[in-house]
Amino acid sequence: MPMPLDALEAEVLKLPPGERSRLFDRLISSLEADPEIQEAWALEAEHRDAEVEAGKIKLAPGEEVPSRLRAELR
């Protein structure tokens, strides 16, 4: 009999952060089974990387991103 989702979530949240992260990666990977979708994301990543390398896109420091997003949503 499967464990109820609430009980499973409570157990998972007891894990150390590193183990929760590894579990998260495995769960996300299990949803990405469609090779066409994986290929499309790989192409998009390559395209964005090329734009950054060519100077077409300016990267924002990670610590500034949340405040910028909040400002845009106001």
Foldseek 3Di string as FASTA:
>chain_A
DDDDPVVVVVVLVVDPPVVNVVVVVVVVVVVPPDPVVVVVVVVVVVVVVVCVVVVVDDDDPPVCVVVVVVVVVD
